[in-house]
């Protein structure tokens, strides 16, 4: 089946092919997808990154795939029309976006395939292993707005935060669903069904009905929540008052 590639900074995946439908996930620049169905300009797409399926709205920018050379390692990276900070940005890419450099380089700036420029310090080669653990990646998203179905620096939800962090730092591409993540043994060793008597460590993944977060230390949870409409750090005990813990996993990270 032919693959296509998102060329917009990001694109929503909706549950149904209509305006106003609920968002189910998101794709970001450079990700590839397969078209499963087309209906009046709407494309039912399967994201090659995580296998998530949803409807792309008509007019979503995409093209034939081009091999990426770099990925964005900054939380957000502005696209400029000239190689200078004085040129007003014309777009923004999220952490994890894939770009293809075109060989232009000037004063610490590099050209991308669409003729625009990115600051070189925001990028890393695609074959470089990220020099951070999942928690460090997740902490970059602190105060990012909460968006149901989001998984980018433009907006993110609870399972999107865990998915992004684990994929970027541990190479584990799980599901954009807290319930499916709870069952995913690739995310780590199962420690507890209810969180009792767990000596929490940084990076532990804590599950609740319909929710998930990541421990910052022995007592505090990092999570994207509708209660603040943002990514925040809260005492785990306070979060557990709103919904009971129903699982804890400890990621097994690759050795350096």
C-alpha atoms as a PDB file:
ATOM      1  CA  UNK A   1       0.000   0.000   0.000  1.00  0.00           C
ATOM      2  CA  UNK A   2       1.388   3.415  -1.001  1.00  0.00           C
ATOM      3  CA  UNK A   3       2.631   5.643   1.805  1.00  0.00           C
ATOM      4  CA  UNK A   4       2.236   9.399   2.050  1.00  0.00           C
ATOM      5  CA  UNK A   5       3.992  11.915   4.289  1.00  0.00           C
ATOM      6  CA  UNK A   6       2.615  14.807   6.338  1.00  0.00           C
ATOM      7  CA  UNK A   7       4.161  18.113   5.219  1.00  0.00           C
ATOM      8  CA  UNK A   8       2.191  20.403   7.560  1.00  0.00           C
ATOM      9  CA  UNK A   9       3.600  21.087  11.052  1.00  0.00           C
ATOM     10  CA  UNK A  10       0.871  18.800  12.393  1.00  0.00           C
ATOM     11  CA  UNK A  11      -2.441  17.248  11.388  1.00  0.00           C
ATOM     12  CA  UNK A  12      -5.415  16.025  13.399  1.00  0.00           C
ATOM     13  CA  UNK A  13      -6.896  12.555  13.126  1.00  0.00           C
ATOM     14  CA  UNK A  14     -10.631  12.565  13.794  1.00  0.00           C
ATOM     15  CA  UNK A  15     -13.015   9.802  14.808  1.00  0.00           C
ATOM     16  CA  UNK A  16     -15.461  10.527  11.973  1.00  0.00           C
ATOM     17  CA  UNK A  17     -15.157  12.222   8.558  1.00  0.00           C
ATOM     18  CA  UNK A  18     -16.948  15.440   9.485  1.00  0.00           C
ATOM     19  CA  UNK A  19     -16.160  18.846  10.932  1.00  0.00           C
ATOM     20  CA  UNK A  20     -16.563  18.952  14.696  1.00  0.00           C
ATOM     21  CA  UNK A  21     -15.834  15.263  15.172  1.00  0.00           C
ATOM     22  CA  UNK A  22     -13.798  14.208  18.196  1.00  0.00           C
ATOM     23  CA  UNK A  23     -10.028  14.125  17.767  1.00  0.00           C
ATOM     24  CA  UNK A  24      -8.554  10.674  18.257  1.00  0.00           C
ATOM     25  CA  UNK A  25      -4.868  11.375  17.621  1.00  0.00           C
ATOM     26  CA  UNK A  26      -2.432  13.626  15.805  1.00  0.00           C
ATOM     27  CA  UNK A  27       0.352  13.355  13.240  1.00  0.00           C
ATOM     28  CA  UNK A  28       3.395  15.602  13.030  1.00  0.00           C
ATOM     29  CA  UNK A  29       5.649  16.810  10.226  1.00  0.00           C
ATOM     30  CA  UNK A  30       7.442  14.022   8.383  1.00  0.00           C
ATOM     31  CA  UNK A  31       5.344  11.114   9.644  1.00  0.00           C
ATOM     32  CA  UNK A  32       4.090   8.650   7.067  1.00  0.00           C
ATOM     33  CA  UNK A  33       0.609   7.241   6.670  1.00  0.00           C
ATOM     34  CA  UNK A  34      -1.376   4.836   4.534  1.00  0.00           C
ATOM     35  CA  UNK A  35      -4.763   5.715   3.075  1.00  0.00           C
ATOM     36  CA  UNK A  36      -7.366   3.089   3.995  1.00  0.00           C
ATOM     37  CA  UNK A  37     -10.413   4.875   2.574  1.00  0.00           C
ATOM     38  CA  UNK A  38     -11.387   8.149   0.918  1.00  0.00           C
ATOM     39  CA  UNK A  39     -14.744   9.853   1.343  1.00  0.00           C
ATOM     40  CA  UNK A  40     -15.526  13.289  -0.139  1.00  0.00           C
ATOM     41  CA  UNK A  41     -11.940  14.453   0.367  1.00  0.00           C
ATOM     42  CA  UNK A  42     -11.614  12.951   3.833  1.00  0.00           C
ATOM     43  CA  UNK A  43      -8.859  10.353   4.155  1.00  0.00           C
ATOM     44  CA  UNK A  44      -9.079   7.461   6.597  1.00  0.00           C
ATOM     45  CA  UNK A  45      -5.406   7.148   7.453  1.00  0.00           C
ATOM     46  CA  UNK A  46      -3.227   4.739   9.395  1.00  0.00           C
ATOM     47  CA  UNK A  47      -0.222   6.445  10.967  1.00  0.00           C
ATOM     48  CA  UNK A  48       2.878   4.347  10.235  1.00  0.00           C
ATOM     49  CA  UNK A  49       4.460   5.630  13.462  1.00  0.00           C
ATOM     50  CA  UNK A  50       2.071   4.044  15.960  1.00  0.00           C
ATOM     51  CA  UNK A  51      -0.609   2.373  13.855  1.00  0.00           C
ATOM     52  CA  UNK A  52      -3.319   4.790  15.001  1.00  0.00           C
ATOM     53  CA  UNK A  53      -6.233   5.157  12.562  1.00  0.00           C
ATOM     54  CA  UNK A  54      -8.398   8.225  12.059  1.00  0.00           C
ATOM     55  CA  UNK A  55      -9.766  10.632   9.470  1.00  0.00           C
ATOM     56  CA  UNK A  56      -7.606  13.406   8.016  1.00  0.00           C
ATOM     57  CA  UNK A  57      -9.624  16.512   7.040  1.00  0.00           C
ATOM     58  CA  UNK A  58      -9.757  17.531   3.368  1.00  0.00           C
ATOM     59  CA  UNK A  59      -6.794  19.624   2.300  1.00  0.00           C
ATOM     60  CA  UNK A  60      -4.366  18.263   4.894  1.00  0.00           C
ATOM     61  CA  UNK A  61      -0.944  18.931   3.310  1.00  0.00           C
ATOM     62  CA  UNK A  62       0.902  15.751   2.368  1.00  0.00           C
ATOM     63  CA  UNK A  63       3.225  14.478  -0.339  1.00  0.00           C
ATOM     64  CA  UNK A  64       5.194  11.472  -1.487  1.00  0.00           C
ATOM     65  CA  UNK A  65       7.655  10.389   1.215  1.00  0.00           C
ATOM     66  CA  UNK A  66      11.147  11.866   1.321  1.00  0.00           C
ATOM     67  CA  UNK A  67      13.784  10.272   3.537  1.00  0.00           C
ATOM     68  CA  UNK A  68      14.384  12.482   6.590  1.00  0.00           C
ATOM     69  CA  UNK A  69      17.893  13.524   7.552  1.00  0.00           C
ATOM     70  CA  UNK A  70      17.170  15.135  10.928  1.00  0.00           C
ATOM     71  CA  UNK A  71      14.561  15.322  13.683  1.00  0.00           C
ATOM     72  CA  UNK A  72      13.590  18.237  15.887  1.00  0.00           C
ATOM     73  CA  UNK A  73      14.990  17.833  19.401  1.00  0.00           C
ATOM     74  CA  UNK A  74      13.764  21.182  20.761  1.00  0.00           C
ATOM     75  CA  UNK A  75      10.236  21.335  22.147  1.00  0.00           C
ATOM     76  CA  UNK A  76       9.340  23.739  19.336  1.00  0.00           C
ATOM     77  CA  UNK A  77      11.376  24.914  16.355  1.00  0.00           C
ATOM     78  CA  UNK A  78      10.375  27.934  14.274  1.00  0.00           C
ATOM     79  CA  UNK A  79      10.643  27.919  10.497  1.00  0.00           C
ATOM     80  CA  UNK A  80      12.146  31.141   9.114  1.00  0.00           C
ATOM     81  CA  UNK A  81      12.127  32.488   5.539  1.00  0.00           C
ATOM     82  CA  UNK A  82      15.794  33.551   5.862  1.00  0.00           C
ATOM     83  CA  UNK A  83      18.799  32.341   7.905  1.00  0.00           C
ATOM     84  CA  UNK A  84      18.437  34.922  10.667  1.00  0.00           C
ATOM     85  CA  UNK A  85      16.504  35.360  13.890  1.00  0.00           C
ATOM     86  CA  UNK A  86      15.336  38.724  12.570  1.00  0.00           C
ATOM     87  CA  UNK A  87      13.209  37.121   9.863  1.00  0.00           C
ATOM     88  CA  UNK A  88       9.732  36.575  11.393  1.00  0.00           C
ATOM     89  CA  UNK A  89       8.833  32.871  11.705  1.00  0.00           C
ATOM     90  CA  UNK A  90       6.319  31.541   9.209  1.00  0.00           C
ATOM     91  CA  UNK A  91       5.633  28.235  10.962  1.00  0.00           C
ATOM     92  CA  UNK A  92       6.590  26.063  13.913  1.00  0.00           C
ATOM     93  CA  UNK A  93       7.540  22.397  14.193  1.00  0.00           C
ATOM     94  CA  UNK A  94       7.026  20.204  17.237  1.00  0.00           C
ATOM     95  CA  UNK A  95       9.503  18.026  19.071  1.00  0.00           C
ATOM     96  CA  UNK A  96       9.999  14.784  17.159  1.00  0.00           C
ATOM     97  CA  UNK A  97       9.202  16.193  13.717  1.00  0.00           C
ATOM     98  CA  UNK A  98      11.199  14.784  10.800  1.00  0.00           C
ATOM     99  CA  UNK A  99      12.859  17.128   8.308  1.00  0.00           C
ATOM    100  CA  UNK A 100      15.055  16.778   5.242  1.00  0.00           C
ATOM    101  CA  UNK A 101      17.919  19.246   4.898  1.00  0.00           C
ATOM    102  CA  UNK A 102      18.706  20.522   1.386  1.00  0.00           C
ATOM    103  CA  UNK A 103      22.428  21.248   1.860  1.00  0.00           C
ATOM    104  CA  UNK A 104      22.161  24.985   2.528  1.00  0.00           C
ATOM    105  CA  UNK A 105      23.952  26.238   5.647  1.00  0.00           C
ATOM    106  CA  UNK A 106      24.624  29.780   6.816  1.00  0.00           C
ATOM    107  CA  UNK A 107      25.605  31.266  10.176  1.00  0.00           C
ATOM    108  CA  UNK A 108      24.340  28.312  12.212  1.00  0.00           C
ATOM    109  CA  UNK A 109      21.149  27.941  10.176  1.00  0.00           C
ATOM    110  CA  UNK A 110      20.258  25.090   7.804  1.00  0.00           C
ATOM    111  CA  UNK A 111      17.860  24.882   4.885  1.00  0.00           C
ATOM    112  CA  UNK A 112      15.000  22.414   4.730  1.00  0.00           C
ATOM    113  CA  UNK A 113      13.443  20.904   1.638  1.00  0.00           C
ATOM    114  CA  UNK A 114      10.607  23.442   1.353  1.00  0.00           C
ATOM    115  CA  UNK A 115      13.016  26.383   1.055  1.00  0.00           C
ATOM    116  CA  UNK A 116      12.743  27.555   4.665  1.00  0.00           C
ATOM    117  CA  UNK A 117      15.379  27.683   7.397  1.00  0.00           C
ATOM    118  CA  UNK A 118      15.798  26.136  10.837  1.00  0.00           C
ATOM    119  CA  UNK A 119      18.331  26.924  13.536  1.00  0.00           C
ATOM    120  CA  UNK A 120      20.787  24.003  13.450  1.00  0.00           C
ATOM    121  CA  UNK A 121      20.910  23.739  17.249  1.00  0.00           C
ATOM    122  CA  UNK A 122      17.287  22.607  17.277  1.00  0.00           C
ATOM    123  CA  UNK A 123      18.068  19.477  15.246  1.00  0.00           C
ATOM    124  CA  UNK A 124      19.828  16.137  15.548  1.00  0.00           C
ATOM    125  CA  UNK A 125      20.618  13.529  12.859  1.00  0.00           C
ATOM    126  CA  UNK A 126      17.984  10.825  12.538  1.00  0.00           C
ATOM    127  CA  UNK A 127      20.471   8.112  13.448  1.00  0.00           C
ATOM    128  CA  UNK A 128      21.513   9.789  16.719  1.00  0.00           C
ATOM    129  CA  UNK A 129      20.181   8.207  19.890  1.00  0.00           C
ATOM    130  CA  UNK A 130      18.486  10.820  22.123  1.00  0.00           C
ATOM    131  CA  UNK A 131      20.699  11.628  25.111  1.00  0.00           C
ATOM    132  CA  UNK A 132      17.866  11.597  27.627  1.00  0.00           C
ATOM    133  CA  UNK A 133      15.556   9.241  29.497  1.00  0.00           C
ATOM    134  CA  UNK A 134      11.753   9.184  29.079  1.00  0.00           C
ATOM    135  CA  UNK A 135      11.172  11.355  32.132  1.00  0.00           C
ATOM    136  CA  UNK A 136      13.560  14.005  30.846  1.00  0.00           C
ATOM    137  CA  UNK A 137      11.666  14.056  27.551  1.00  0.00           C
ATOM    138  CA  UNK A 138       8.286  14.233  29.287  1.00  0.00           C
ATOM    139  CA  UNK A 139       9.430  17.108  31.519  1.00  0.00           C
ATOM    140  CA  UNK A 140      10.084  19.236  28.429  1.00  0.00           C
ATOM    141  CA  UNK A 141       6.300  19.307  27.934  1.00  0.00           C
ATOM    142  CA  UNK A 142       5.596  20.853  31.348  1.00  0.00           C
ATOM    143  CA  UNK A 143       2.852  23.519  30.999  1.00  0.00           C
ATOM    144  CA  UNK A 144       2.036  22.417  27.433  1.00  0.00           C
ATOM    145  CA  UNK A 145      -1.728  22.832  26.851  1.00  0.00           C
ATOM    146  CA  UNK A 146      -3.919  19.777  27.256  1.00  0.00           C
ATOM    147  CA  UNK A 147      -5.532  18.670  23.988  1.00  0.00           C
ATOM    148  CA  UNK A 148      -7.595  15.491  23.769  1.00  0.00           C
ATOM    149  CA  UNK A 149      -5.893  13.276  21.196  1.00  0.00           C
ATOM    150  CA  UNK A 150      -2.810  15.514  21.070  1.00  0.00           C
ATOM    151  CA  UNK A 151       0.756  14.234  21.006  1.00  0.00           C
ATOM    152  CA  UNK A 152       2.823  17.312  20.138  1.00  0.00           C
ATOM    153  CA  UNK A 153       4.163  20.545  21.577  1.00  0.00           C
ATOM    154  CA  UNK A 154       1.023  22.256  20.248  1.00  0.00           C
ATOM    155  CA  UNK A 155      -1.113  20.252  22.689  1.00  0.00           C
ATOM    156  CA  UNK A 156      -0.924  16.830  24.294  1.00  0.00           C
ATOM    157  CA  UNK A 157      -3.002  14.405  26.343  1.00  0.00           C
ATOM    158  CA  UNK A 158      -2.003  11.949  29.055  1.00  0.00           C
ATOM    159  CA  UNK A 159      -1.326   8.918  26.867  1.00  0.00           C
ATOM    160  CA  UNK A 160       0.230  11.135  24.180  1.00  0.00           C
ATOM    161  CA  UNK A 161       2.781  12.337  26.727  1.00  0.00           C
ATOM    162  CA  UNK A 162       3.785   8.781  27.707  1.00  0.00           C
ATOM    163  CA  UNK A 163       3.786   7.638  24.069  1.00  0.00           C
ATOM    164  CA  UNK A 164       6.027  10.518  22.998  1.00  0.00           C
ATOM    165  CA  UNK A 165       8.470  10.174  25.896  1.00  0.00           C
ATOM    166  CA  UNK A 166       8.878   6.412  25.634  1.00  0.00           C
ATOM    167  CA  UNK A 167       9.244   6.464  21.847  1.00  0.00           C
ATOM    168  CA  UNK A 168      11.810   9.268  21.835  1.00  0.00           C
ATOM    169  CA  UNK A 169      14.039   8.051  24.648  1.00  0.00           C
ATOM    170  CA  UNK A 170      13.515   4.300  24.909  1.00  0.00           C
ATOM    171  CA  UNK A 171      12.528   3.469  21.341  1.00  0.00           C
ATOM    172  CA  UNK A 172       9.268   1.920  22.512  1.00  0.00           C
ATOM    173  CA  UNK A 173       6.341   2.984  20.305  1.00  0.00           C
ATOM    174  CA  UNK A 174       3.236   2.075  22.288  1.00  0.00           C
ATOM    175  CA  UNK A 175      -0.414   3.047  21.779  1.00  0.00           C
ATOM    176  CA  UNK A 176      -2.168   6.413  21.975  1.00  0.00           C
ATOM    177  CA  UNK A 177      -4.518   5.027  24.634  1.00  0.00           C
ATOM    178  CA  UNK A 178      -3.935   4.773  28.375  1.00  0.00           C
ATOM    179  CA  UNK A 179      -5.940   1.551  28.545  1.00  0.00           C
ATOM    180  CA  UNK A 180      -3.843  -0.095  25.853  1.00  0.00           C
ATOM    181  CA  UNK A 181      -0.635   1.257  27.376  1.00  0.00           C
ATOM    182  CA  UNK A 182      -1.605  -0.357  30.681  1.00  0.00           C
ATOM    183  CA  UNK A 183      -1.590  -3.750  28.946  1.00  0.00           C
ATOM    184  CA  UNK A 184       1.585  -3.089  26.937  1.00  0.00           C
ATOM    185  CA  UNK A 185       4.435  -5.103  28.438  1.00  0.00           C
ATOM    186  CA  UNK A 186       6.929  -3.186  26.285  1.00  0.00           C
ATOM    187  CA  UNK A 187       6.436  -0.197  28.586  1.00  0.00           C
ATOM    188  CA  UNK A 188       8.057  -1.981  31.497  1.00  0.00           C
ATOM    189  CA  UNK A 189       7.815  -4.394  34.384  1.00  0.00           C
ATOM    190  CA  UNK A 190       4.438  -4.632  36.109  1.00  0.00           C
ATOM    191  CA  UNK A 191       4.843  -3.569  39.760  1.00  0.00           C
ATOM    192  CA  UNK A 192       1.368  -3.312  41.196  1.00  0.00           C
ATOM    193  CA  UNK A 193      -2.358  -3.524  40.493  1.00  0.00           C
ATOM    194  CA  UNK A 194      -3.228  -0.699  42.883  1.00  0.00           C
ATOM    195  CA  UNK A 195      -0.043   1.240  43.705  1.00  0.00           C
ATOM    196  CA  UNK A 196       0.057   0.139  47.330  1.00  0.00           C
ATOM    197  CA  UNK A 197       3.440  -0.493  48.922  1.00  0.00           C
ATOM    198  CA  UNK A 198       5.298   0.677  45.805  1.00  0.00           C
ATOM    199  CA  UNK A 199       8.578   2.522  46.391  1.00  0.00           C
ATOM    200  CA  UNK A 200       8.160   4.833  43.431  1.00  0.00           C
ATOM    201  CA  UNK A 201      11.143   5.776  41.312  1.00  0.00           C
ATOM    202  CA  UNK A 202      11.488   8.575  38.729  1.00  0.00           C
ATOM    203  CA  UNK A 203      10.009   7.429  35.428  1.00  0.00           C
ATOM    204  CA  UNK A 204       7.545   4.895  36.840  1.00  0.00           C
ATOM    205  CA  UNK A 205       4.328   4.886  34.794  1.00  0.00           C
ATOM    206  CA  UNK A 206       1.163   5.066  36.894  1.00  0.00           C
ATOM    207  CA  UNK A 207      -2.253   4.139  35.499  1.00  0.00           C
ATOM    208  CA  UNK A 208      -5.753   5.135  36.502  1.00  0.00           C
ATOM    209  CA  UNK A 209      -9.078   4.379  34.757  1.00  0.00           C
ATOM    210  CA  UNK A 210      -8.787   6.395  31.547  1.00  0.00           C
ATOM    211  CA  UNK A 211      -5.620   8.168  32.641  1.00  0.00           C
ATOM    212  CA  UNK A 212      -1.839   7.774  32.926  1.00  0.00           C
ATOM    213  CA  UNK A 213       1.162   9.733  34.180  1.00  0.00           C
ATOM    214  CA  UNK A 214       4.844   9.436  34.970  1.00  0.00           C
ATOM    215  CA  UNK A 215       6.489   9.768  38.380  1.00  0.00           C
ATOM    216  CA  UNK A 216       8.964  12.634  38.832  1.00  0.00           C
ATOM    217  CA  UNK A 217      10.197  11.309  42.182  1.00  0.00           C
ATOM    218  CA  UNK A 218       8.851   9.192  45.023  1.00  0.00           C
ATOM    219  CA  UNK A 219       5.706  11.255  45.556  1.00  0.00           C
ATOM    220  CA  UNK A 220       4.936  13.501  42.566  1.00  0.00           C
ATOM    221  CA  UNK A 221       3.297  12.704  39.230  1.00  0.00           C
ATOM    222  CA  UNK A 222       3.836  14.423  35.879  1.00  0.00           C
ATOM    223  CA  UNK A 223       0.721  14.206  33.719  1.00  0.00           C
ATOM    224  CA  UNK A 224      -1.447  15.984  31.172  1.00  0.00           C
ATOM    225  CA  UNK A 225      -4.768  16.637  32.841  1.00  0.00           C
ATOM    226  CA  UNK A 226      -8.113  18.271  32.109  1.00  0.00           C
ATOM    227  CA  UNK A 227      -8.199  19.607  35.685  1.00  0.00           C
ATOM    228  CA  UNK A 228      -5.622  22.260  34.744  1.00  0.00           C
ATOM    229  CA  UNK A 229      -5.875  21.836  30.938  1.00  0.00           C
ATOM    230  CA  UNK A 230      -2.089  21.476  30.876  1.00  0.00           C
ATOM    231  CA  UNK A 231       0.869  19.249  31.701  1.00  0.00           C
ATOM    232  CA  UNK A 232       1.563  19.649  35.425  1.00  0.00           C
ATOM    233  CA  UNK A 233       3.316  18.061  38.384  1.00  0.00           C
ATOM    234  CA  UNK A 234       0.996  17.111  41.239  1.00  0.00           C
ATOM    235  CA  UNK A 235       1.318  14.966  44.359  1.00  0.00           C
ATOM    236  CA  UNK A 236       0.348  11.435  43.395  1.00  0.00           C
ATOM    237  CA  UNK A 237      -1.831  11.245  46.509  1.00  0.00           C
ATOM    238  CA  UNK A 238      -3.964  14.147  45.224  1.00  0.00           C
ATOM    239  CA  UNK A 239      -4.398  12.609  41.786  1.00  0.00           C
ATOM    240  CA  UNK A 240      -5.347   9.263  43.364  1.00  0.00           C
ATOM    241  CA  UNK A 241      -8.186  10.992  45.237  1.00  0.00           C
ATOM    242  CA  UNK A 242      -9.845  11.745  41.893  1.00  0.00           C
ATOM    243  CA  UNK A 243      -9.326   8.257  40.436  1.00  0.00           C
ATOM    244  CA  UNK A 244      -7.913   5.118  42.021  1.00  0.00           C
ATOM    245  CA  UNK A 245      -4.574   3.772  40.789  1.00  0.00           C
ATOM    246  CA  UNK A 246      -5.071   0.594  38.774  1.00  0.00           C
ATOM    247  CA  UNK A 247      -1.535  -0.195  37.673  1.00  0.00           C
ATOM    248  CA  UNK A 248       2.145   0.692  37.870  1.00  0.00           C
ATOM    249  CA  UNK A 249       4.896  -0.145  35.397  1.00  0.00           C
ATOM    250  CA  UNK A 250       8.642   0.496  35.649  1.00  0.00           C
ATOM    251  CA  UNK A 251      10.287   1.035  32.241  1.00  0.00           C
ATOM    252  CA  UNK A 252      13.309  -1.098  31.407  1.00  0.00           C
ATOM    253  CA  UNK A 253      15.591   1.353  29.654  1.00  0.00           C
ATOM    254  CA  UNK A 254      18.301   0.446  27.142  1.00  0.00           C
ATOM    255  CA  UNK A 255      21.822   0.609  28.472  1.00  0.00           C
ATOM    256  CA  UNK A 256      23.957   3.523  27.342  1.00  0.00           C
END
